[in-house]
């Protein structure tokens, strides 16, 4: 299992094995997702404009709560494991 150390400035180096696995490059951004059980998941924030299609309000759909959004996100993260 790859490990990393946190510096006094709160910085760390992502091990090369993980960078290759996630196809990370200098300047890439990461999302940190904290699950209810305390586990932290890391994923690249490589958002393309095309992936945002449909995110704006649609008149024929009922809005959902933040709690419903959080539950849906957590469910997707758990499925990825």
N, C-alpha and C. Protein backbone atom coordinates (compact mmCIF):
# COMPACT_ATOMS: atom_id res chain seq x y z
N UNK A 1 0.85 -1.17 0.00
CA UNK A 1 0.00 0.00 0.00
C UNK A 1 0.90 1.23 0.00
N UNK A 2 0.73 2.12 -0.98
CA UNK A 2 1.53 3.34 -1.02
C UNK A 2 1.18 4.25 0.16
N UNK A 3 2.18 4.92 0.70
CA UNK A 3 1.96 5.86 1.80
C UNK A 3 2.63 7.19 1.47
N UNK A 4 2.26 8.22 2.20
CA UNK A 4 2.85 9.54 2.03
C UNK A 4 2.95 10.20 3.40
N UNK A 5 3.85 11.17 3.51
CA UNK A 5 4.05 11.91 4.75
C UNK A 5 3.60 13.35 4.54
N UNK A 6 2.98 13.92 5.55
CA UNK A 6 2.54 15.31 5.49
C UNK A 6 3.64 16.19 6.08
N UNK A 7 3.99 17.26 5.35
CA UNK A 7 5.03 18.17 5.82
C UNK A 7 4.45 19.13 6.86
N UNK A 8 5.31 19.93 7.46
CA UNK A 8 4.87 20.91 8.46
C UNK A 8 3.95 21.96 7.84
N UNK A 9 3.98 22.10 6.51
CA UNK A 9 3.10 23.04 5.81
C UNK A 9 1.81 22.39 5.35
N UNK A 10 1.60 21.12 5.74
CA UNK A 10 0.38 20.42 5.36
C UNK A 10 0.42 19.86 3.94
N UNK A 11 1.60 19.81 3.34
CA UNK A 11 1.73 19.32 1.98
C UNK A 11 2.18 17.86 1.97
N UNK A 12 1.90 17.19 0.88
CA UNK A 12 2.34 15.81 0.71
C UNK A 12 2.63 15.56 -0.76
N UNK A 13 3.38 14.52 -1.04
CA UNK A 13 3.64 14.10 -2.41
C UNK A 13 2.84 12.83 -2.66
N UNK A 14 2.05 12.84 -3.71
CA UNK A 14 1.28 11.65 -4.06
C UNK A 14 2.25 10.65 -4.67
N UNK A 15 2.28 9.44 -4.15
CA UNK A 15 3.21 8.44 -4.68
C UNK A 15 3.04 8.23 -6.19
N UNK A 16 4.15 7.97 -6.87
CA UNK A 16 4.14 7.82 -8.32
C UNK A 16 3.13 6.76 -8.77
N UNK A 17 3.05 5.67 -8.04
CA UNK A 17 2.11 4.59 -8.39
C UNK A 17 0.67 5.11 -8.46
N UNK A 18 0.31 5.96 -7.51
CA UNK A 18 -1.05 6.52 -7.48
C UNK A 18 -1.23 7.55 -8.58
N UNK A 19 -0.21 8.39 -8.81
CA UNK A 19 -0.29 9.38 -9.90
C UNK A 19 -0.52 8.70 -11.24
N UNK A 20 0.18 7.60 -11.46
CA UNK A 20 0.00 6.86 -12.72
C UNK A 20 -1.40 6.24 -12.79
N UNK A 21 -1.84 5.65 -11.69
CA UNK A 21 -3.15 5.01 -11.64
C UNK A 21 -4.27 6.01 -11.96
N UNK A 22 -4.16 7.22 -11.42
CA UNK A 22 -5.18 8.25 -11.62
C UNK A 22 -4.89 9.15 -12.82
N UNK A 23 -3.77 8.88 -13.51
CA UNK A 23 -3.36 9.69 -14.66
C UNK A 23 -3.25 11.17 -14.28
N UNK A 24 -2.55 11.43 -13.17
CA UNK A 24 -2.39 12.79 -12.66
C UNK A 24 -1.14 13.44 -13.24
N UNK A 25 -1.26 14.74 -13.47
CA UNK A 25 -0.15 15.53 -14.01
C UNK A 25 -0.02 16.81 -13.20
N UNK A 26 1.16 17.46 -13.23
CA UNK A 26 1.33 18.72 -12.50
C UNK A 26 0.22 19.72 -12.87
N UNK A 27 -0.35 20.33 -11.86
CA UNK A 27 -1.42 21.31 -12.07
C UNK A 27 -2.82 20.72 -11.97
N UNK A 28 -2.94 19.38 -12.02
CA UNK A 28 -4.26 18.75 -11.88
C UNK A 28 -4.81 19.03 -10.48
N UNK A 29 -6.12 19.09 -10.39
CA UNK A 29 -6.78 19.31 -9.11
C UNK A 29 -7.42 18.00 -8.65
N UNK A 30 -7.57 17.87 -7.34
CA UNK A 30 -8.15 16.66 -6.75
C UNK A 30 -9.34 17.02 -5.88
N UNK A 31 -10.32 16.13 -5.85
CA UNK A 31 -11.45 16.23 -4.93
C UNK A 31 -11.21 15.24 -3.80
N UNK A 32 -11.50 15.66 -2.57
CA UNK A 32 -11.42 14.78 -1.41
C UNK A 32 -12.85 14.57 -0.93
N UNK A 33 -13.29 13.34 -0.92
CA UNK A 33 -14.66 13.01 -0.53
C UNK A 33 -14.60 12.25 0.79
N UNK A 34 -15.28 12.78 1.81
CA UNK A 34 -15.30 12.14 3.12
C UNK A 34 -16.62 11.39 3.27
N UNK A 35 -16.52 10.08 3.42
CA UNK A 35 -17.71 9.24 3.59
C UNK A 35 -18.16 9.26 5.04
N UNK A 36 -19.38 8.82 5.29
CA UNK A 36 -19.93 8.81 6.64
C UNK A 36 -19.11 7.96 7.60
N UNK A 37 -18.44 6.93 7.08
CA UNK A 37 -17.65 6.06 7.95
C UNK A 37 -16.26 6.62 8.23
N UNK A 38 -15.98 7.84 7.74
CA UNK A 38 -14.70 8.49 8.00
C UNK A 38 -13.64 8.24 6.94
N UNK A 39 -13.92 7.36 6.00
CA UNK A 39 -12.96 7.12 4.92
C UNK A 39 -12.91 8.33 4.00
N UNK A 40 -11.73 8.58 3.45
CA UNK A 40 -11.55 9.69 2.53
C UNK A 40 -11.20 9.12 1.16
N UNK A 41 -11.92 9.55 0.15
CA UNK A 41 -11.69 9.12 -1.22
C UNK A 41 -11.14 10.30 -2.01
N UNK A 42 -10.18 10.02 -2.87
CA UNK A 42 -9.56 11.07 -3.68
C UNK A 42 -9.82 10.75 -5.14
N UNK A 43 -10.24 11.77 -5.89
CA UNK A 43 -10.42 11.57 -7.32
C UNK A 43 -10.03 12.84 -8.06
N UNK A 44 -9.55 12.71 -9.29
CA UNK A 44 -9.18 13.89 -10.07
C UNK A 44 -10.41 14.74 -10.36
N UNK A 45 -10.22 16.05 -10.41
CA UNK A 45 -11.29 16.98 -10.75
C UNK A 45 -11.12 17.38 -12.21
N UNK A 46 -11.19 16.44 -13.08
CA UNK A 46 -11.02 16.72 -14.51
C UNK A 46 -12.40 16.90 -15.13
N UNK A 47 -12.96 18.08 -14.94
CA UNK A 47 -14.30 18.34 -15.44
C UNK A 47 -14.21 18.96 -16.83
N UNK A 48 -14.92 18.37 -17.77
CA UNK A 48 -15.01 18.91 -19.11
C UNK A 48 -16.38 19.56 -19.26
N UNK A 49 -16.45 20.59 -20.06
CA UNK A 49 -17.70 21.32 -20.24
C UNK A 49 -18.84 20.37 -20.63
N UNK A 50 -18.54 19.39 -21.47
CA UNK A 50 -19.58 18.46 -21.93
C UNK A 50 -20.23 17.73 -20.76
N UNK A 51 -19.46 17.48 -19.70
CA UNK A 51 -20.00 16.73 -18.56
C UNK A 51 -20.98 17.56 -17.74
N UNK A 52 -21.03 18.86 -17.96
CA UNK A 52 -21.93 19.73 -17.21
C UNK A 52 -23.32 19.82 -17.83
N UNK A 53 -23.47 19.26 -19.03
CA UNK A 53 -24.75 19.33 -19.73
C UNK A 53 -25.86 18.74 -18.86
N UNK A 54 -26.95 19.47 -18.75
CA UNK A 54 -28.09 18.99 -18.00
C UNK A 54 -28.07 19.35 -16.53
N UNK A 55 -27.05 20.07 -16.07
CA UNK A 55 -26.97 20.40 -14.65
C UNK A 55 -27.83 21.61 -14.28
N UNK A 56 -28.21 22.41 -15.25
CA UNK A 56 -29.05 23.56 -14.96
C UNK A 56 -30.49 23.11 -14.73
N UNK A 57 -31.25 23.97 -14.10
CA UNK A 57 -32.63 23.66 -13.76
C UNK A 57 -33.43 23.25 -15.00
N UNK A 58 -34.21 22.21 -14.85
CA UNK A 58 -35.12 21.77 -15.90
C UNK A 58 -36.54 21.96 -15.38
N UNK A 59 -37.34 22.70 -16.13
CA UNK A 59 -38.67 23.08 -15.67
C UNK A 59 -39.56 21.90 -15.31
N UNK A 60 -39.37 20.76 -15.94
CA UNK A 60 -40.26 19.62 -15.70
C UNK A 60 -39.78 18.71 -14.57
N UNK A 61 -38.77 19.13 -13.81
CA UNK A 61 -38.25 18.30 -12.72
C UNK A 61 -38.38 19.02 -11.38
N UNK A 62 -38.72 18.25 -10.35
CA UNK A 62 -38.78 18.78 -9.00
C UNK A 62 -37.37 18.94 -8.46
N UNK A 63 -37.09 20.03 -7.74
CA UNK A 63 -35.75 20.18 -7.15
C UNK A 63 -35.53 19.15 -6.05
N UNK A 64 -34.26 18.83 -5.79
CA UNK A 64 -33.94 17.91 -4.70
C UNK A 64 -33.13 18.66 -3.65
N UNK A 65 -33.12 18.11 -2.45
CA UNK A 65 -32.43 18.76 -1.33
C UNK A 65 -30.93 18.46 -1.37
N UNK A 66 -30.18 19.23 -0.61
CA UNK A 66 -28.74 19.00 -0.47
C UNK A 66 -28.50 17.61 0.11
N UNK A 67 -29.33 17.20 1.06
CA UNK A 67 -29.19 15.88 1.67
C UNK A 67 -29.37 14.78 0.63
N UNK A 68 -30.34 14.95 -0.27
CA UNK A 68 -30.55 13.97 -1.34
C UNK A 68 -29.34 13.94 -2.28
N UNK A 69 -28.78 15.11 -2.58
CA UNK A 69 -27.59 15.17 -3.43
C UNK A 69 -26.42 14.45 -2.76
N UNK A 70 -26.21 14.74 -1.47
CA UNK A 70 -25.12 14.10 -0.72
C UNK A 70 -25.28 12.59 -0.72
N UNK A 71 -26.50 12.12 -0.51
CA UNK A 71 -26.75 10.67 -0.48
C UNK A 71 -26.47 10.05 -1.85
N UNK A 72 -26.85 10.73 -2.92
CA UNK A 72 -26.60 10.21 -4.27
C UNK A 72 -25.11 10.16 -4.56
N UNK A 73 -24.38 11.19 -4.15
CA UNK A 73 -22.93 11.22 -4.37
C UNK A 73 -22.27 10.09 -3.59
N UNK A 74 -22.63 9.93 -2.33
CA UNK A 74 -22.06 8.87 -1.50
C UNK A 74 -22.34 7.50 -2.10
N UNK A 75 -23.54 7.31 -2.60
CA UNK A 75 -23.91 6.04 -3.22
C UNK A 75 -23.02 5.74 -4.43
N UNK A 76 -22.77 6.76 -5.24
CA UNK A 76 -21.90 6.58 -6.42
C UNK A 76 -20.47 6.25 -6.00
N UNK A 77 -19.98 6.94 -4.98
CA UNK A 77 -18.61 6.69 -4.50
C UNK A 77 -18.51 5.26 -3.99
N UNK A 78 -19.49 4.81 -3.22
CA UNK A 78 -19.47 3.45 -2.69
C UNK A 78 -19.52 2.41 -3.80
N UNK A 79 -20.24 2.71 -4.89
CA UNK A 79 -20.31 1.79 -6.02
C UNK A 79 -18.96 1.67 -6.72
N UNK A 80 -18.16 2.74 -6.70
CA UNK A 80 -16.86 2.73 -7.36
C UNK A 80 -15.86 1.86 -6.63
N UNK A 81 -16.13 1.55 -5.37
CA UNK A 81 -15.20 0.73 -4.59
C UNK A 81 -15.45 -0.67 -4.88
